[in-house]
Protein backbone atom coordinates (compact mmCIF):
# COMPACT_ATOMS: atom_id res chain seq x y z
CA UNK A 1 0.07 0.11 0.00
CA UNK A 2 1.44 3.40 -1.00
CA UNK A 3 2.04 5.81 1.98
CA UNK A 4 -0.90 8.03 0.75
CA UNK A 5 -3.28 5.48 0.88
CA UNK A 6 -2.02 4.00 4.33
CA UNK A 7 -2.61 7.55 5.72
CA UNK A 8 -6.12 7.88 4.07
CA UNK A 9 -6.63 4.59 5.58
CA UNK A 10 -5.67 5.43 8.87
CA UNK A 11 -7.70 8.82 8.96
CA UNK A 12 -10.53 6.66 8.09
CA UNK A 13 -10.11 4.29 11.04
CA UNK A 14 -9.66 7.69 13.04
CA UNK A 15 -12.92 8.98 12.14
CA UNK A 16 -14.50 5.52 12.52
CA UNK A 17 -13.20 5.45 16.23
CA UNK A 18 -14.21 9.21 16.88
CA UNK A 19 -17.73 8.37 15.40
CA UNK A 20 -18.23 4.88 16.98
CA UNK A 21 -16.38 4.81 20.25
CA UNK A 22 -17.95 1.52 21.20
CA UNK A 23 -17.15 -0.42 18.11
CA UNK A 24 -13.44 0.98 18.55
CA UNK A 25 -13.80 -0.26 22.22
CA UNK A 26 -15.14 -3.72 21.31
CA UNK A 27 -12.16 -4.12 18.48
CA UNK A 28 -9.52 -3.83 21.16
CA UNK A 29 -7.23 -1.83 19.15
CA UNK A 30 -6.26 1.55 18.17
CA UNK A 31 -7.24 3.36 15.11
CA UNK A 32 -3.48 2.87 13.79
CA UNK A 33 -3.52 -0.90 14.62
CA UNK A 34 -6.83 -1.19 13.02
CA UNK A 35 -5.28 0.64 9.80
CA UNK A 36 -2.38 -1.85 9.83
CA UNK A 37 -4.49 -4.87 10.36
CA UNK A 38 -6.60 -3.70 7.27
CA UNK A 39 -3.51 -3.19 5.63
CA UNK A 40 -2.47 -6.75 6.28
CA UNK A 41 -5.65 -8.12 4.89
CA UNK A 42 -5.38 -6.44 1.88
CA UNK A 43 -1.67 -7.10 1.25
CA UNK A 44 -2.65 -10.97 2.34
CA UNK A 45 -5.83 -12.54 1.11
CA UNK A 46 -7.85 -9.63 -0.32
CA UNK A 47 -4.68 -8.69 -2.28
CA UNK A 48 -4.43 -12.13 -3.95
CA UNK A 49 -8.00 -11.68 -4.85
CA UNK A 50 -7.63 -8.17 -6.21
CA UNK A 51 -4.45 -9.52 -8.10
CA UNK A 52 -6.26 -12.04 -9.85
CA UNK A 53 -9.41 -10.04 -10.67
CA UNK A 54 -6.74 -7.36 -12.26
CA UNK A 55 -5.42 -10.52 -14.36
CA UNK A 56 -8.62 -11.53 -15.32
CA UNK A 57 -9.37 -7.69 -16.42
CA UNK A 58 -6.33 -7.56 -18.22
CA UNK A 59 -6.81 -10.66 -20.26
CA UNK A 60 -10.49 -10.43 -20.90
CA UNK A 61 -9.61 -6.76 -22.23
CA UNK A 62 -7.22 -8.11 -24.38
CA UNK A 63 -9.01 -10.94 -25.79
CA UNK A 64 -11.79 -9.15 -26.23
CA UNK A 65 -10.75 -5.84 -27.70
CA UNK A 66 -11.89 -6.52 -31.24
CA UNK A 67 -15.57 -7.42 -30.21
CA UNK A 68 -15.32 -4.49 -27.75
CA UNK A 69 -14.86 -1.99 -30.64
CA UNK A 70 -17.85 -3.22 -32.68
CA UNK A 71 -20.40 -3.78 -29.21
CA UNK A 72 -19.11 -0.09 -28.05
CA UNK A 73 -20.21 1.02 -31.61
CA UNK A 74 -23.64 -0.15 -30.90
CA UNK A 75 -23.58 0.80 -27.39
CA UNK A 76 -22.87 4.32 -28.57
CA UNK A 77 -25.71 4.50 -30.84
CA UNK A 78 -27.95 3.28 -28.37
CA UNK A 79 -26.88 5.79 -25.89
CA UNK A 80 -27.79 8.14 -28.72
CA UNK A 81 -31.31 6.82 -29.01
CA UNK A 82 -31.54 7.29 -25.26
CA UNK A 83 -30.20 10.71 -25.35
CA UNK A 84 -32.58 11.59 -28.01
CA UNK A 85 -35.52 9.78 -26.23
CA UNK A 86 -34.57 12.22 -23.08
CA UNK A 87 -34.86 15.10 -25.22
CA UNK A 88 -38.22 14.44 -26.61
CA UNK A 89 -39.67 12.79 -23.62
CA UNK A 90 -41.90 15.77 -22.70
CA UNK A 91 -41.97 17.13 -26.48
CA UNK A 92 -45.88 17.68 -27.92
CA UNK A 93 -44.85 15.75 -31.03
CA UNK A 94 -44.73 12.04 -30.63
CA UNK A 95 -41.79 10.45 -31.95
CA UNK A 96 -43.50 6.91 -31.92
CA UNK A 97 -46.93 5.98 -33.42
CA UNK A 98 -47.52 9.87 -34.42
CA UNK A 99 -50.54 9.06 -36.18
CA UNK A 100 -52.36 6.56 -33.69
CA UNK A 101 -55.00 7.35 -31.33
CA UNK A 102 -53.36 6.63 -28.10
CA UNK A 103 -53.50 7.19 -24.38
CA UNK A 104 -52.21 10.48 -23.32
CA UNK A 105 -50.46 8.65 -20.22
CA UNK A 106 -47.85 7.37 -20.22
CA UNK A 107 -46.55 9.64 -22.98
CA UNK A 108 -45.27 7.64 -25.96
CA UNK A 109 -42.00 9.68 -26.27
CA UNK A 110 -41.83 8.92 -22.40
CA UNK A 111 -42.20 5.12 -23.11
CA UNK A 112 -39.59 5.36 -25.84
CA UNK A 113 -37.06 7.06 -23.96
CA UNK A 114 -37.59 4.32 -20.81
CA UNK A 115 -36.94 1.43 -23.16
CA UNK A 116 -34.06 2.90 -24.84
CA UNK A 117 -32.33 3.92 -21.40
CA UNK A 118 -33.06 0.31 -19.87
CA UNK A 119 -31.27 -1.07 -23.23
CA UNK A 120 -28.12 1.76 -22.79
CA UNK A 121 -28.17 0.88 -19.09
CA UNK A 122 -28.06 -3.12 -19.58
CA UNK A 123 -25.69 -2.81 -22.47
CA UNK A 124 -23.24 -1.03 -20.40
CA UNK A 125 -23.64 -2.94 -17.30
CA UNK A 126 -23.01 -6.22 -19.66
CA UNK A 127 -19.80 -4.46 -20.85
CA UNK A 128 -18.38 -3.99 -17.63
CA UNK A 129 -19.12 -7.39 -15.92
CA UNK A 130 -17.63 -9.23 -19.04
CA UNK A 131 -14.49 -6.95 -19.02
CA UNK A 132 -13.80 -7.45 -15.24
CA UNK A 133 -14.25 -11.36 -15.70
CA UNK A 134 -17.70 -11.68 -14.34
CA UNK A 135 -18.83 -14.12 -17.03
CA UNK A 136 -21.61 -15.84 -15.50
CA UNK A 137 -23.52 -12.68 -14.40
CA UNK A 138 -22.63 -11.21 -18.00
CA UNK A 139 -24.46 -13.66 -19.59
CA UNK A 140 -27.47 -13.33 -17.58
CA UNK A 141 -27.24 -9.53 -18.03
CA UNK A 142 -26.67 -10.03 -21.75
CA UNK A 143 -30.14 -12.09 -22.08
CA UNK A 144 -31.68 -9.02 -20.51
CA UNK A 145 -30.18 -6.99 -23.10
CA UNK A 146 -31.62 -9.00 -25.75
CA UNK A 147 -35.01 -9.31 -24.60
CA UNK A 148 -34.65 -5.27 -23.73
CA UNK A 149 -34.08 -5.06 -27.27
CA UNK A 150 -36.53 -7.47 -28.49
CA UNK A 151 -38.83 -5.58 -26.56
CA UNK A 152 -37.94 -1.90 -27.70
CA UNK A 153 -38.49 -3.06 -31.41
CA UNK A 154 -41.82 -5.14 -30.76
CA UNK A 155 -43.16 -1.89 -29.05
CA UNK A 156 -42.10 0.34 -31.81
CA UNK A 157 -42.95 -1.91 -34.76
CA UNK A 158 -46.53 -3.26 -33.39
CA UNK A 159 -49.19 -0.68 -32.01
CA UNK A 160 -50.56 -3.76 -30.37
CA UNK A 161 -47.85 -4.69 -28.43
CA UNK A 162 -47.24 -0.92 -27.52
CA UNK A 163 -50.56 -1.08 -25.95
CA UNK A 164 -50.18 -4.02 -23.85
CA UNK A 165 -46.51 -2.65 -22.85
CA UNK A 166 -48.45 0.54 -21.21
CA UNK A 167 -50.73 -1.48 -19.27
CA UNK A 168 -50.28 -1.62 -15.58
CA UNK A 169 -52.11 -3.26 -12.76
CA UNK A 170 -52.36 -2.88 -9.01
CA UNK A 171 -52.74 -6.65 -8.18
CA UNK A 172 -49.10 -8.04 -8.92
CA UNK A 173 -50.41 -11.44 -9.79
CA UNK A 174 -52.59 -9.86 -12.75
CA UNK A 175 -49.49 -7.98 -13.50
CA UNK A 176 -47.31 -11.38 -13.87
CA UNK A 177 -50.31 -12.98 -15.93
CA UNK A 178 -50.32 -9.79 -18.33
CA UNK A 179 -46.58 -10.13 -18.77
CA UNK A 180 -46.93 -13.59 -19.57
CA UNK A 181 -49.55 -13.58 -21.84
CA UNK A 182 -48.27 -10.72 -23.88
CA UNK A 183 -45.01 -9.30 -22.87
CA UNK A 184 -42.45 -12.34 -22.14
CA UNK A 185 -39.88 -13.27 -24.35
CA UNK A 186 -41.45 -16.20 -25.94
CA UNK A 187 -44.52 -13.78 -26.78
CA UNK A 188 -42.18 -10.96 -28.04
């Protein structure tokens, strides 16, 4: 640990001791001893985990670099789409289904923004997970990316799907039944 990091850690231990004296007494060590103990943990077991994580991150970044460039281009496009949705979320002219007779609430532009934003955020989460070596979690997140992209496409392509998407229910069971019948990945 660098000297400036040790000083920050020591200051944090001193602040904790000052704000929680009972905790400090129960640990039976001074703030300086607490900082040293934490530093030992970091350099030992936690240090090995962090080093392993860094190795995985570096190798994943190197192996995935060509695919990441393509993925980043797609992510940039979706972020632009989300930004466009945000800028027009409360605009009087509708971005989607401009000629259709639709309910005023929720605003079709806001629906578009929410879906585009969810897609952009899911894509960003996937990117971070895969580059940091969380392959299993990234796979689960990517399934969510695909489901959100499919839903966005269907809401934009089918007025009937749009109408089903904007329905809401007070009863969670009814909401689940509706999702299962109209919006689940197998239906979309």
